[in-house]
Structure formats: structure tokens, C-alpha cells
PDB file of N, CA and C in Angstrom:
ATOM      1  N   UNK A   1     152.154 241.554-122.556  1.00  0.00           N
ATOM      2  CA  UNK A   1     152.947 242.817-123.289  1.00  0.00           C
ATOM      3  C   UNK A   1     153.724 244.421-122.520  1.00  0.00           C
ATOM      4  N   UNK A   2     152.818 244.732-121.962  1.00  0.00           N
ATOM      5  CA  UNK A   2     153.283 245.920-121.381  1.00  0.00           C
ATOM      6  C   UNK A   2     154.152 245.458-120.184  1.00  0.00           C
ATOM      7  N   UNK A   3     154.793 246.128-119.888  1.00  0.00           N
ATOM      8  CA  UNK A   3     156.289 246.177-119.066  1.00  0.00           C
ATOM      9  C   UNK A   3     155.650 246.029-117.280  1.00  0.00           C
ATOM     10  N   UNK A   4     154.618 247.086-116.971  1.00  0.00           N
ATOM     11  CA  UNK A   4     154.588 246.663-115.832  1.00  0.00           C
ATOM     12  C   UNK A   4     153.597 245.607-115.108  1.00  0.00           C
ATOM     13  N   UNK A   5     153.612 244.929-113.872  1.00  0.00           N
ATOM     14  CA  UNK A   5     153.529 243.947-113.333  1.00  0.00           C
ATOM     15  C   UNK A   5     152.279 243.682-113.659  1.00  0.00           C
ATOM     16  N   UNK A   6     151.373 244.821-112.939  1.00  0.00           N
ATOM     17  CA  UNK A   6     150.123 245.533-112.531  1.00  0.00           C
ATOM     18  C   UNK A   6     149.726 245.743-113.511  1.00  0.00           C
ATOM     19  N   UNK A   7     149.983 245.509-114.876  1.00  0.00           N
ATOM     20  CA  UNK A   7     149.130 245.941-115.745  1.00  0.00           C
ATOM     21  C   UNK A   7     147.543 246.079-116.019  1.00  0.00           C
ATOM     22  N   UNK A   8     147.157 244.906-115.653  1.00  0.00           N
ATOM     23  CA  UNK A   8     145.531 244.682-115.617  1.00  0.00           C
ATOM     24  C   UNK A   8     145.166 245.823-114.409  1.00  0.00           C
ATOM     25  N   UNK A   9     145.600 246.318-113.835  1.00  0.00           N
ATOM     26  CA  UNK A   9     144.885 246.678-112.281  1.00  0.00           C
ATOM     27  C   UNK A   9     144.717 248.515-112.641  1.00  0.00           C
ATOM     28  N   UNK A  10     143.606 248.714-112.296  1.00  0.00           N
ATOM     29  CA  UNK A  10     142.935 249.729-112.525  1.00  0.00           C
ATOM     30  C   UNK A  10     143.591 251.276-111.756  1.00  0.00           C
ATOM     31  N   UNK A  11     144.322 250.448-110.667  1.00  0.00           N
ATOM     32  CA  UNK A  11     145.220 251.341-109.513  1.00  0.00           C
ATOM     33  C   UNK A  11     146.136 251.664-110.077  1.00  0.00           C
ATOM     34  N   UNK A  12     146.575 251.556-111.153  1.00  0.00           N
ATOM     35  CA  UNK A  12     148.088 251.544-111.506  1.00  0.00           C
ATOM     36  C   UNK A  12     148.260 252.733-111.860  1.00  0.00           C
ATOM     37  N   UNK A  13     149.409 253.398-111.631  1.00  0.00           N
ATOM     38  CA  UNK A  13     150.149 254.666-112.311  1.00  0.00           C
ATOM     39  C   UNK A  13     149.679 255.137-113.372  1.00  0.00           C
ATOM     40  N   UNK A  14     149.436 256.097-113.784  1.00  0.00           N
ATOM     41  CA  UNK A  14     148.901 256.725-115.096  1.00  0.00           C
ATOM     42  C   UNK A  14     150.457 256.608-115.929  1.00  0.00           C
ATOM     43  N   UNK A  15     149.580 256.354-117.336  1.00  0.00           N
ATOM     44  CA  UNK A  15     150.851 255.875-118.479  1.00  0.00           C
ATOM     45  C   UNK A  15     151.367 257.204-118.420  1.00  0.00           C
ATOM     46  N   UNK A  16     152.567 257.274-118.778  1.00  0.00           N
ATOM     47  CA  UNK A  16     153.395 258.818-119.237  1.00  0.00           C
ATOM     48  C   UNK A  16     152.975 259.620-120.140  1.00  0.00           C
ATOM     49  N   UNK A  17     152.435 260.851-119.925  1.00  0.00           N
ATOM     50  CA  UNK A  17     152.337 261.600-121.278  1.00  0.00           C
ATOM     51  C   UNK A  17     153.510 261.418-122.279  1.00  0.00           C
ATOM     52  N   UNK A  18     153.450 261.517-123.543  1.00  0.00           N
ATOM     53  CA  UNK A  18     154.505 261.638-124.709  1.00  0.00           C
ATOM     54  C   UNK A  18     154.198 261.297-125.982  1.00  0.00           C
ATOM     55  N   UNK A  19     154.796 261.101-126.950  1.00  0.00           N
ATOM     56  CA  UNK A  19     154.036 260.882-128.395  1.00  0.00           C
ATOM     57  C   UNK A  19     154.053 262.267-129.041  1.00  0.00           C
ATOM     58  N   UNK A  20     154.111 262.220-130.234  1.00  0.00           N
ATOM     59  CA  UNK A  20     154.163 263.488-130.874  1.00  0.00           C
ATOM     60  C   UNK A  20     152.612 264.210-131.213  1.00  0.00           C
ATOM     61  N   UNK A  21     151.644 263.446-130.542  1.00  0.00           N
ATOM     62  CA  UNK A  21     150.701 263.967-130.836  1.00  0.00           C
ATOM     63  C   UNK A  21     149.837 264.121-129.477  1.00  0.00           C
ATOM     64  N   UNK A  22     150.942 263.561-128.364  1.00  0.00           N
ATOM     65  CA  UNK A  22     150.284 264.156-126.910  1.00  0.00           C
ATOM     66  C   UNK A  22     149.278 262.338-126.300  1.00  0.00           C
ATOM     67  N   UNK A  23     149.513 261.402-127.143  1.00  0.00           N
ATOM     68  CA  UNK A  23     148.726 260.594-126.797  1.00  0.00           C
ATOM     69  C   UNK A  23     149.923 259.791-125.475  1.00  0.00           C
ATOM     70  N   UNK A  24     149.020 259.103-124.670  1.00  0.00           N
ATOM     71  CA  UNK A  24     150.093 258.396-123.502  1.00  0.00           C
ATOM     72  C   UNK A  24     150.565 257.559-123.924  1.00  0.00           C
ATOM     73  N   UNK A  25     151.636 256.616-123.106  1.00  0.00           N
ATOM     74  CA  UNK A  25     152.718 256.054-123.894  1.00  0.00           C
ATOM     75  C   UNK A  25     152.977 255.040-122.688  1.00  0.00           C
ATOM     76  N   UNK A  26     153.486 253.759-123.039  1.00  0.00           N
ATOM     77  CA  UNK A  26     154.151 252.610-122.296  1.00  0.00           C
ATOM     78  C   UNK A  26     155.243 252.136-122.959  1.00  0.00           C
ATOM     79  N   UNK A  27     155.808 251.287-122.110  1.00  0.00           N
ATOM     80  CA  UNK A  27     157.248 250.781-122.640  1.00  0.00           C
ATOM     81  C   UNK A  27     156.417 249.354-122.828  1.00  0.00           C
ATOM     82  N   UNK A  28     156.882 248.316-123.884  1.00  0.00           N
ATOM     83  CA  UNK A  28     156.583 247.052-123.706  1.00  0.00           C
ATOM     84  C   UNK A  28     157.319 246.078-124.702  1.00  0.00           C
ATOM     85  N   UNK A  29     156.756 244.846-124.525  1.00  0.00           N
ATOM     86  CA  UNK A  29     157.414 244.312-125.975  1.00  0.00           C
ATOM     87  C   UNK A  29     156.199 243.929-126.493  1.00  0.00           C
ATOM     88  N   UNK A  30     155.877 243.881-128.197  1.00  0.00           N
ATOM     89  CA  UNK A  30     155.010 243.173-128.713  1.00  0.00           C
ATOM     90  C   UNK A  30     155.116 242.109-129.305  1.00  0.00           C
ATOM     91  N   UNK A  31     153.725 241.274-129.193  1.00  0.00           N
ATOM     92  CA  UNK A  31     153.365 240.111-129.141  1.00  0.00           C
ATOM     93  C   UNK A  31     153.724 239.327-130.821  1.00  0.00           C
ATOM     94  N   UNK A  32     153.298 240.687-131.600  1.00  0.00           N
ATOM     95  CA  UNK A  32     153.138 240.690-133.067  1.00  0.00           C
ATOM     96  C   UNK A  32     154.582 240.701-133.641  1.00  0.00           C
ATOM     97  N   UNK A  33     155.315 241.716-133.566  1.00  0.00           N
ATOM     98  CA  UNK A  33     156.619 241.720-133.879  1.00  0.00           C
ATOM     99  C   UNK A  33     157.843 241.450-133.176  1.00  0.00           C
ATOM    100  N   UNK A  34     157.425 241.794-132.072  1.00  0.00           N
ATOM    101  CA  UNK A  34     158.842 241.106-131.077  1.00  0.00           C
ATOM    102  C   UNK A  34     159.801 242.679-130.529  1.00  0.00           C
ATOM    103  N   UNK A  35     159.453 243.241-131.536  1.00  0.00           N
ATOM    104  CA  UNK A  35     160.107 244.411-131.046  1.00  0.00           C
ATOM    105  C   UNK A  35     159.484 245.146-129.309  1.00  0.00           C
ATOM    106  N   UNK A  36     160.731 245.768-128.721  1.00  0.00           N
ATOM    107  CA  UNK A  36     160.819 246.209-127.608  1.00  0.00           C
ATOM    108  C   UNK A  36     160.504 248.013-127.565  1.00  0.00           C
ATOM    109  N   UNK A  37     159.078 248.141-127.642  1.00  0.00           N
ATOM    110  CA  UNK A  37     159.318 249.684-128.010  1.00  0.00           C
ATOM    111  C   UNK A  37     157.934 250.679-127.244  1.00  0.00           C
ATOM    112  N   UNK A  38     157.318 251.383-127.733  1.00  0.00           N
ATOM    113  CA  UNK A  38     156.411 252.115-127.006  1.00  0.00           C
ATOM    114  C   UNK A  38     154.916 251.317-127.661  1.00  0.00           C
ATOM    115  N   UNK A  39     153.853 251.866-126.695  1.00  0.00           N
ATOM    116  CA  UNK A  39     152.620 251.847-126.888  1.00  0.00           C
ATOM    117  C   UNK A  39     151.932 252.680-126.952  1.00  0.00           C
ATOM    118  N   UNK A  40     150.839 253.397-127.673  1.00  0.00           N
ATOM    119  CA  UNK A  40     150.431 254.960-127.896  1.00  0.00           C
ATOM    120  C   UNK A  40     148.936 253.972-127.149  1.00  0.00           C
ATOM    121  N   UNK A  41     148.407 254.995-125.871  1.00  0.00           N
ATOM    122  CA  UNK A  41     146.877 254.921-126.288  1.00  0.00           C
ATOM    123  C   UNK A  41     146.156 255.384-126.731  1.00  0.00           C
ATOM    124  N   UNK A  42     145.036 254.498-127.203  1.00  0.00           N
ATOM    125  CA  UNK A  42     144.230 255.291-127.995  1.00  0.00           C
ATOM    126  C   UNK A  42     142.549 255.355-127.331  1.00  0.00           C
ATOM    127  N   UNK A  43     142.805 255.162-126.211  1.00  0.00           N
ATOM    128  CA  UNK A  43     141.345 255.072-125.666  1.00  0.00           C
ATOM    129  C   UNK A  43     140.946 253.935-125.385  1.00  0.00           C
ATOM    130  N   UNK A  44     139.701 253.652-125.170  1.00  0.00           N
ATOM    131  CA  UNK A  44     138.523 252.637-124.220  1.00  0.00           C
ATOM    132  C   UNK A  44     137.724 252.250-125.205  1.00  0.00           C
ATOM    133  N   UNK A  45     137.568 250.856-125.220  1.00  0.00           N
ATOM    134  CA  UNK A  45     136.014 250.074-125.918  1.00  0.00           C
ATOM    135  C   UNK A  45     135.427 249.368-124.234  1.00  0.00           C
ATOM    136  N   UNK A  46     134.001 250.106-124.823  1.00  0.00           N
ATOM    137  CA  UNK A  46     133.258 249.737-123.904  1.00  0.00           C
ATOM    138  C   UNK A  46     132.290 248.741-124.324  1.00  0.00           C
ATOM    139  N   UNK A  47     131.765 247.545-123.778  1.00  0.00           N
ATOM    140  CA  UNK A  47     131.084 246.209-124.152  1.00  0.00           C
ATOM    141  C   UNK A  47     129.827 246.185-123.215  1.00  0.00           C
ATOM    142  N   UNK A  48     128.067 245.974-123.248  1.00  0.00           N
ATOM    143  CA  UNK A  48     127.737 245.827-122.818  1.00  0.00           C
ATOM    144  C   UNK A  48     128.045 244.268-121.601  1.00  0.00           C
ATOM    145  N   UNK A  49     127.725 244.810-120.178  1.00  0.00           N
ATOM    146  CA  UNK A  49     128.273 243.483-119.524  1.00  0.00           C
ATOM    147  C   UNK A  49     127.505 241.990-120.320  1.00  0.00           C
ATOM    148  N   UNK A  50     126.000 242.021-120.793  1.00  0.00           N
ATOM    149  CA  UNK A  50     126.149 240.666-120.865  1.00  0.00           C
ATOM    150  C   UNK A  50     126.412 240.174-122.438  1.00  0.00           C
ATOM    151  N   UNK A  51     127.052 241.346-123.196  1.00  0.00           N
ATOM    152  CA  UNK A  51     127.905 240.974-123.870  1.00  0.00           C
ATOM    153  C   UNK A  51     129.140 240.803-124.076  1.00  0.00           C
ATOM    154  N   UNK A  52     129.577 241.262-122.764  1.00  0.00           N
ATOM    155  CA  UNK A  52     131.036 240.819-122.226  1.00  0.00           C
ATOM    156  C   UNK A  52     130.748 239.549-121.520  1.00  0.00           C
ATOM    157  N   UNK A  53     130.034 239.199-120.941  1.00  0.00           N
ATOM    158  CA  UNK A  53     130.250 237.945-120.076  1.00  0.00           C
ATOM    159  C   UNK A  53     130.528 236.973-120.962  1.00  0.00           C
ATOM    160  N   UNK A  54     128.723 237.029-121.846  1.00  0.00           N
ATOM    161  CA  UNK A  54     128.675 236.050-122.812  1.00  0.00           C
ATOM    162  C   UNK A  54     130.069 235.531-123.886  1.00  0.00           C
ATOM    163  N   UNK A  55     130.813 236.890-124.242  1.00  0.00           N
ATOM    164  CA  UNK A  55     132.151 236.188-124.811  1.00  0.00           C
ATOM    165  C   UNK A  55     133.299 236.067-123.851  1.00  0.00           C
ATOM    166  N   UNK A  56     133.289 236.334-122.821  1.00  0.00           N
ATOM    167  CA  UNK A  56     134.230 235.655-121.667  1.00  0.00           C
ATOM    168  C   UNK A  56     135.394 236.962-121.362  1.00  0.00           C
ATOM    169  N   UNK A  57     134.942 238.246-121.829  1.00  0.00           N
ATOM    170  CA  UNK A  57     135.753 239.132-121.327  1.00  0.00           C
ATOM    171  C   UNK A  57     135.658 240.159-120.720  1.00  0.00           C
ATOM    172  N   UNK A  58     136.281 241.075-120.300  1.00  0.00           N
ATOM    173  CA  UNK A  58     135.708 242.186-119.402  1.00  0.00           C
ATOM    174  C   UNK A  58     135.356 243.143-120.347  1.00  0.00           C
ATOM    175  N   UNK A  59     134.299 243.919-119.851  1.00  0.00           N
ATOM    176  CA  UNK A  59     133.534 245.039-120.376  1.00  0.00           C
ATOM    177  C   UNK A  59     134.024 246.576-120.578  1.00  0.00           C
ATOM    178  N   UNK A  60     135.592 246.710-119.974  1.00  0.00           N
ATOM    179  CA  UNK A  60     135.863 247.764-120.254  1.00  0.00           C
ATOM    180  C   UNK A  60     137.350 247.180-120.862  1.00  0.00           C
ATOM    181  N   UNK A  61     137.719 247.755-121.894  1.00  0.00           N
ATOM    182  CA  UNK A  61     138.966 247.502-122.512  1.00  0.00           C
ATOM    183  C   UNK A  61     139.713 248.466-122.731  1.00  0.00           C
ATOM    184  N   UNK A  62     141.140 248.822-122.594  1.00  0.00           N
ATOM    185  CA  UNK A  62     142.119 249.957-123.117  1.00  0.00           C
ATOM    186  C   UNK A  62     142.842 249.264-124.536  1.00  0.00           C
ATOM    187  N   UNK A  63     143.025 250.638-125.597  1.00  0.00           N
ATOM    188  CA  UNK A  63     143.550 250.151-126.657  1.00  0.00           C
ATOM    189  C   UNK A  63     144.476 250.927-126.954  1.00  0.00           C
ATOM    190  N   UNK A  64     145.629 249.626-127.299  1.00  0.00           N
ATOM    191  CA  UNK A  64     147.078 250.072-127.110  1.00  0.00           C
ATOM    192  C   UNK A  64     147.688 250.105-128.571  1.00  0.00           C
ATOM    193  N   UNK A  65     148.322 250.808-129.048  1.00  0.00           N
ATOM    194  CA  UNK A  65     149.099 250.559-130.596  1.00  0.00           C
ATOM    195  C   UNK A  65     150.648 250.557-130.754  1.00  0.00           C
ATOM    196  N   UNK A  66     151.376 249.362-130.754  1.00  0.00           N
ATOM    197  CA  UNK A  66     152.685 249.716-130.980  1.00  0.00           C
ATOM    198  C   UNK A  66     153.080 250.492-132.034  1.00  0.00           C
ATOM    199  N   UNK A  67     154.066 251.089-131.718  1.00  0.00           N
ATOM    200  CA  UNK A  67     154.988 252.305-132.697  1.00  0.00           C
ATOM    201  C   UNK A  67     155.126 251.469-133.644  1.00  0.00           C
ATOM    202  N   UNK A  68     155.537 250.734-133.875  1.00  0.00           N
ATOM    203  CA  UNK A  68     156.579 249.869-134.500  1.00  0.00           C
ATOM    204  C   UNK A  68     155.962 249.220-135.952  1.00  0.00           C
ATOM    205  N   UNK A  69     154.852 248.222-135.620  1.00  0.00           N
ATOM    206  CA  UNK A  69     153.856 247.016-136.281  1.00  0.00           C
ATOM    207  C   UNK A  69     152.550 248.174-136.175  1.00  0.00           C
ATOM    208  N   UNK A  70     152.064 248.926-135.678  1.00  0.00           N
ATOM    209  CA  UNK A  70     150.588 249.402-136.055  1.00  0.00           C
ATOM    210  C   UNK A  70     149.859 248.764-135.225  1.00  0.00           C
ATOM    211  N   UNK A  71     150.009 247.374-134.557  1.00  0.00           N
ATOM    212  CA  UNK A  71     148.996 246.640-133.966  1.00  0.00           C
ATOM    213  C   UNK A  71     148.479 246.908-133.199  1.00  0.00           C
ATOM    214  N   UNK A  72     147.024 247.055-132.935  1.00  0.00           N
ATOM    215  CA  UNK A  72     146.024 247.453-131.819  1.00  0.00           C
ATOM    216  C   UNK A  72     145.865 246.250-131.243  1.00  0.00           C
ATOM    217  N   UNK A  73     146.197 246.145-129.284  1.00  0.00           N
ATOM    218  CA  UNK A  73     146.128 245.493-128.547  1.00  0.00           C
ATOM    219  C   UNK A  73     144.795 246.274-127.638  1.00  0.00           C
ATOM    220  N   UNK A  74     143.705 245.002-127.369  1.00  0.00           N
ATOM    221  CA  UNK A  74     142.820 245.763-126.241  1.00  0.00           C
ATOM    222  C   UNK A  74     143.379 244.754-124.641  1.00  0.00           C
ATOM    223  N   UNK A  75     143.593 245.546-124.078  1.00  0.00           N
ATOM    224  CA  UNK A  75     143.799 245.171-122.569  1.00  0.00           C
ATOM    225  C   UNK A  75     142.518 245.458-122.012  1.00  0.00           C
ATOM    226  N   UNK A  76     142.652 244.094-121.540  1.00  0.00           N
ATOM    227  CA  UNK A  76     141.113 243.932-120.420  1.00  0.00           C
ATOM    228  C   UNK A  76     141.824 244.540-119.188  1.00  0.00           C
ATOM    229  N   UNK A  77     140.740 245.289-118.766  1.00  0.00           N
ATOM    230  CA  UNK A  77     140.484 246.199-117.208  1.00  0.00           C
ATOM    231  C   UNK A  77     140.031 245.628-116.047  1.00  0.00           C
ATOM    232  N   UNK A  78     139.855 245.945-114.712  1.00  0.00           N
ATOM    233  CA  UNK A  78     138.981 245.461-113.633  1.00  0.00           C
ATOM    234  C   UNK A  78     138.007 246.495-113.727  1.00  0.00           C
ATOM    235  N   UNK A  79     138.122 247.361-114.538  1.00  0.00           N
ATOM    236  CA  UNK A  79     137.455 248.602-114.018  1.00  0.00           C
ATOM    237  C   UNK A  79     136.280 248.600-114.915  1.00  0.00           C
ATOM    238  N   UNK A  80     134.432 248.752-114.079  1.00  0.00           N
ATOM    239  CA  UNK A  80     133.347 248.510-115.076  1.00  0.00           C
ATOM    240  C   UNK A  80     132.962 249.563-115.480  1.00  0.00           C
TER     241      UNK A  80
END
């Protein structure tokens, strides 16, 4: 989805500040609408370890929203 090859690496450079309300933004192609554009960072979603393990996902997810179709995506991270 997002343009950086290491988008799931917690040591990646920080997203660039921008957007009308000061959100952090990244550039990418939306898998829902197919438009190449901005994604706004909306925060983190944390799951208890045992729940995340049971669901087969990471306990920390970053939430990004497509600027075009407003679909929100949860991006897995390696950070606990």
C-alpha cells in the first residue's frame, strides 16, 4: 500500500508532517480505490499480546486513512 519498501520497519524515517489539520501523511496507492495519493496517520491501535497471537496479527497497528476514498487501513508494526 504505502510507498516505502520498509513500511513495516519501526526504525523507518518518520512520516512527513502536513495536511490541513497537522496530521502526519504518507504517499501510496490505495488498494480500495486504486488512486495514488496521500494517507493520513490517525494513531495507533493496540491489542493485548494474547489476543493478537490468537488472531495471528501484530499487537501494535498504525491507522492510516486514504485521502480519496477515506478507507482506513491498519498497518502492522514490529514494535511491541
